[in-house]
Amino acid sequence: MIAGGRRPADVVANAVRVMRIATGEEPDDPEDAPPPSPAALLGKLSGAARAKALTSEQRREIARKGAAKRGEKN
């Protein structure tokens, strides 16, 4: 097992990860990885804040729209 994380279950994704480690694009050791950017941290927080601020009717309407869009694809 790779230190600090699980290997991707997909063979191709694992091959890409190994290639990135070999070329230096991705650190092999997660302790060497750069910290997440402030924007990434805010993105996590803003989604939770939005979900908390929505009323049940607003959530239902968003879900209805999403289901309709998914239905259009078929």
N, C-alpha and C. Protein backbone atom coordinates (compact mmCIF):
# COMPACT_ATOMS: atom_id res chain seq x y z
N MET A 1 0.84 -1.18 0.00
CA MET A 1 0.00 0.00 0.00
C MET A 1 0.88 1.24 0.00
N ILE A 2 0.48 2.25 -0.72
CA ILE A 2 1.22 3.50 -0.81
C ILE A 2 1.07 4.25 0.51
N ALA A 3 2.16 4.78 1.02
CA ALA A 3 2.13 5.48 2.30
C ALA A 3 1.18 6.66 2.22
N GLY A 4 0.27 6.74 3.18
CA GLY A 4 -0.61 7.89 3.29
C GLY A 4 -1.83 7.86 2.40
N GLY A 5 -2.03 6.83 1.61
CA GLY A 5 -3.21 6.81 0.76
C GLY A 5 -3.41 5.47 0.11
N ARG A 6 -4.58 5.31 -0.42
CA ARG A 6 -4.90 4.07 -1.10
C ARG A 6 -4.54 4.17 -2.57
N ARG A 7 -4.26 3.04 -3.16
CA ARG A 7 -4.00 2.99 -4.59
C ARG A 7 -5.32 3.07 -5.33
N PRO A 8 -5.33 3.69 -6.48
CA PRO A 8 -6.56 3.68 -7.27
C PRO A 8 -6.92 2.25 -7.67
N ALA A 9 -8.20 1.93 -7.63
CA ALA A 9 -8.66 0.58 -7.98
C ALA A 9 -8.54 0.35 -9.48
N ASP A 10 -8.66 1.42 -10.25
CA ASP A 10 -8.58 1.32 -11.70
C ASP A 10 -7.11 1.15 -12.12
N VAL A 11 -6.86 0.21 -13.00
CA VAL A 11 -5.49 -0.08 -13.45
C VAL A 11 -4.89 1.13 -14.17
N VAL A 12 -5.69 1.77 -15.01
CA VAL A 12 -5.19 2.92 -15.77
C VAL A 12 -4.88 4.09 -14.83
N ALA A 13 -5.77 4.34 -13.87
CA ALA A 13 -5.54 5.42 -12.92
C ALA A 13 -4.29 5.16 -12.10
N ASN A 14 -4.06 3.91 -11.74
CA ASN A 14 -2.85 3.56 -11.00
C ASN A 14 -1.61 3.79 -11.86
N ALA A 15 -1.69 3.43 -13.14
CA ALA A 15 -0.55 3.64 -14.05
C ALA A 15 -0.24 5.13 -14.19
N VAL A 16 -1.28 5.94 -14.28
CA VAL A 16 -1.08 7.39 -14.39
C VAL A 16 -0.44 7.92 -13.11
N ARG A 17 -0.88 7.43 -11.96
CA ARG A 17 -0.30 7.87 -10.69
C ARG A 17 1.18 7.50 -10.62
N VAL A 18 1.52 6.29 -11.01
CA VAL A 18 2.92 5.85 -11.00
C VAL A 18 3.74 6.72 -11.94
N MET A 19 3.19 7.04 -13.12
CA MET A 19 3.90 7.89 -14.09
C MET A 19 4.14 9.28 -13.51
N ARG A 20 3.13 9.83 -12.84
CA ARG A 20 3.28 11.17 -12.25
C ARG A 20 4.32 11.17 -11.14
N ILE A 21 4.36 10.11 -10.36
CA ILE A 21 5.38 10.01 -9.31
C ILE A 21 6.76 9.90 -9.94
N ALA A 22 6.87 9.10 -11.00
CA ALA A 22 8.17 8.90 -11.66
C ALA A 22 8.69 10.17 -12.30
N THR A 23 7.78 11.02 -12.82
CA THR A 23 8.21 12.26 -13.48
C THR A 23 8.32 13.43 -12.51
N GLY A 24 7.95 13.20 -11.25
CA GLY A 24 8.07 14.26 -10.25
C GLY A 24 6.89 15.19 -10.19
N GLU A 25 5.82 14.91 -10.93
CA GLU A 25 4.64 15.77 -10.89
C GLU A 25 3.86 15.60 -9.59
N GLU A 26 3.97 14.42 -8.99
CA GLU A 26 3.24 14.11 -7.77
C GLU A 26 4.22 13.50 -6.78
N PRO A 27 4.19 13.97 -5.53
CA PRO A 27 5.12 13.40 -4.55
C PRO A 27 4.72 11.98 -4.18
N ASP A 28 5.71 11.15 -3.95
CA ASP A 28 5.45 9.77 -3.54
C ASP A 28 5.01 9.73 -2.09
N ASP A 29 5.57 10.60 -1.29
CA ASP A 29 5.26 10.66 0.13
C ASP A 29 4.27 11.80 0.37
N PRO A 30 3.09 11.55 0.93
CA PRO A 30 2.11 12.62 1.13
C PRO A 30 2.60 13.73 2.05
N GLU A 31 3.59 13.45 2.89
CA GLU A 31 4.14 14.49 3.75
C GLU A 31 4.89 15.55 2.93
N ASP A 32 5.37 15.16 1.73
CA ASP A 32 6.05 16.11 0.85
C ASP A 32 5.08 16.90 -0.01
N ALA A 33 3.82 16.53 0.00
CA ALA A 33 2.82 17.19 -0.84
C ALA A 33 2.59 18.62 -0.34
N PRO A 34 2.35 19.54 -1.27
CA PRO A 34 2.07 20.92 -0.85
C PRO A 34 0.72 20.97 -0.15
N PRO A 35 0.55 21.92 0.77
CA PRO A 35 -0.74 22.04 1.45
C PRO A 35 -1.82 22.48 0.46
N PRO A 36 -3.08 22.18 0.73
CA PRO A 36 -4.14 22.60 -0.18
C PRO A 36 -4.22 24.12 -0.23
N SER A 37 -4.62 24.63 -1.38
CA SER A 37 -4.72 26.08 -1.54
C SER A 37 -5.89 26.62 -0.73
N PRO A 38 -5.84 27.91 -0.38
CA PRO A 38 -6.97 28.50 0.35
C PRO A 38 -8.27 28.41 -0.44
N ALA A 39 -8.18 28.50 -1.76
CA ALA A 39 -9.39 28.41 -2.58
C ALA A 39 -10.02 27.02 -2.46
N ALA A 40 -9.20 25.99 -2.40
CA ALA A 40 -9.72 24.63 -2.26
C ALA A 40 -10.41 24.46 -0.91
N LEU A 41 -9.84 25.04 0.12
CA LEU A 41 -10.45 24.95 1.43
C LEU A 41 -11.76 25.71 1.49
N LEU A 42 -11.81 26.88 0.86
CA LEU A 42 -13.04 27.66 0.83
C LEU A 42 -14.12 26.96 0.03
N GLY A 43 -13.72 26.26 -1.02
CA GLY A 43 -14.69 25.54 -1.84
C GLY A 43 -15.41 24.48 -1.02
N LYS A 44 -14.69 23.79 -0.17
CA LYS A 44 -15.30 22.80 0.70
C LYS A 44 -16.28 23.46 1.67
N LEU A 45 -15.88 24.59 2.21
CA LEU A 45 -16.72 25.26 3.19
C LEU A 45 -17.95 25.88 2.55
N SER A 46 -17.80 26.45 1.35
CA SER A 46 -18.92 27.14 0.74
C SER A 46 -20.02 26.16 0.34
N GLY A 47 -19.66 24.96 -0.08
CA GLY A 47 -20.68 23.97 -0.42
C GLY A 47 -21.49 23.57 0.80
N ALA A 48 -20.81 23.39 1.91
CA ALA A 48 -21.50 23.02 3.15
C ALA A 48 -22.38 24.17 3.63
N ALA A 49 -21.88 25.39 3.51
CA ALA A 49 -22.65 26.55 3.93
C ALA A 49 -23.89 26.72 3.06
N ARG A 50 -23.74 26.48 1.77
CA ARG A 50 -24.89 26.60 0.87
C ARG A 50 -25.94 25.55 1.22
N ALA A 51 -25.51 24.33 1.44
CA ALA A 51 -26.44 23.26 1.77
C ALA A 51 -27.18 23.57 3.08
N LYS A 52 -26.48 24.15 4.01
CA LYS A 52 -27.08 24.48 5.30
C LYS A 52 -28.10 25.62 5.17
N ALA A 53 -27.84 26.54 4.23
CA ALA A 53 -28.69 27.70 4.07
C ALA A 53 -29.95 27.43 3.25
N LEU A 54 -29.97 26.36 2.47
CA LEU A 54 -31.12 26.07 1.61
C LEU A 54 -32.30 25.54 2.42
N THR A 55 -33.49 25.93 2.00
CA THR A 55 -34.68 25.37 2.62
C THR A 55 -34.97 24.03 1.97
N SER A 56 -35.84 23.24 2.57
CA SER A 56 -36.16 21.93 2.00
C SER A 56 -36.82 22.09 0.62
N GLU A 57 -37.61 23.13 0.43
CA GLU A 57 -38.25 23.36 -0.88
C GLU A 57 -37.19 23.70 -1.94
N GLN A 58 -36.20 24.50 -1.57
CA GLN A 58 -35.13 24.83 -2.52
C GLN A 58 -34.32 23.58 -2.88
N ARG A 59 -34.04 22.74 -1.89
CA ARG A 59 -33.32 21.49 -2.17
C ARG A 59 -34.13 20.59 -3.09
N ARG A 60 -35.45 20.52 -2.86
CA ARG A 60 -36.32 19.70 -3.72
C ARG A 60 -36.31 20.22 -5.15
N GLU A 61 -36.36 21.54 -5.31
CA GLU A 61 -36.36 22.13 -6.66
C GLU A 61 -35.05 21.86 -7.37
N ILE A 62 -33.93 21.97 -6.67
CA ILE A 62 -32.63 21.67 -7.26
C ILE A 62 -32.57 20.20 -7.67
N ALA A 63 -33.06 19.33 -6.81
CA ALA A 63 -33.08 17.89 -7.12
C ALA A 63 -33.98 17.60 -8.31
N ARG A 64 -35.12 18.28 -8.38
CA ARG A 64 -36.05 18.10 -9.51
C ARG A 64 -35.39 18.49 -10.83
N LYS A 65 -34.70 19.63 -10.81
CA LYS A 65 -34.01 20.10 -12.02
C LYS A 65 -32.91 19.12 -12.44
N GLY A 66 -32.17 18.62 -11.46
CA GLY A 66 -31.10 17.67 -11.76
C GLY A 66 -31.65 16.38 -12.34
N ALA A 67 -32.75 15.89 -11.77
CA ALA A 67 -33.36 14.66 -12.29
C ALA A 67 -33.87 14.87 -13.71
N ALA A 68 -34.43 16.04 -13.98
CA ALA A 68 -34.94 16.33 -15.33
C ALA A 68 -33.79 16.37 -16.33
N LYS A 69 -32.69 16.97 -15.95
CA LYS A 69 -31.51 17.02 -16.85
C LYS A 69 -30.96 15.63 -17.11
N ARG A 70 -30.87 14.82 -16.07
CA ARG A 70 -30.38 13.45 -16.26
C ARG A 70 -31.33 12.66 -17.15
N GLY A 71 -32.62 12.91 -17.02
CA GLY A 71 -33.62 12.23 -17.84
C GLY A 71 -33.51 12.62 -19.31
N GLU A 72 -33.10 13.85 -19.59
CA GLU A 72 -32.96 14.33 -20.98
C GLU A 72 -31.87 13.57 -21.73
N LYS A 73 -30.86 13.12 -21.02
CA LYS A 73 -29.72 12.47 -21.67
C LYS A 73 -30.10 11.12 -22.28
N ASN A 74 -31.11 10.47 -21.71
CA ASN A 74 -31.51 9.15 -22.20
C ASN A 74 -32.41 9.32 -23.33
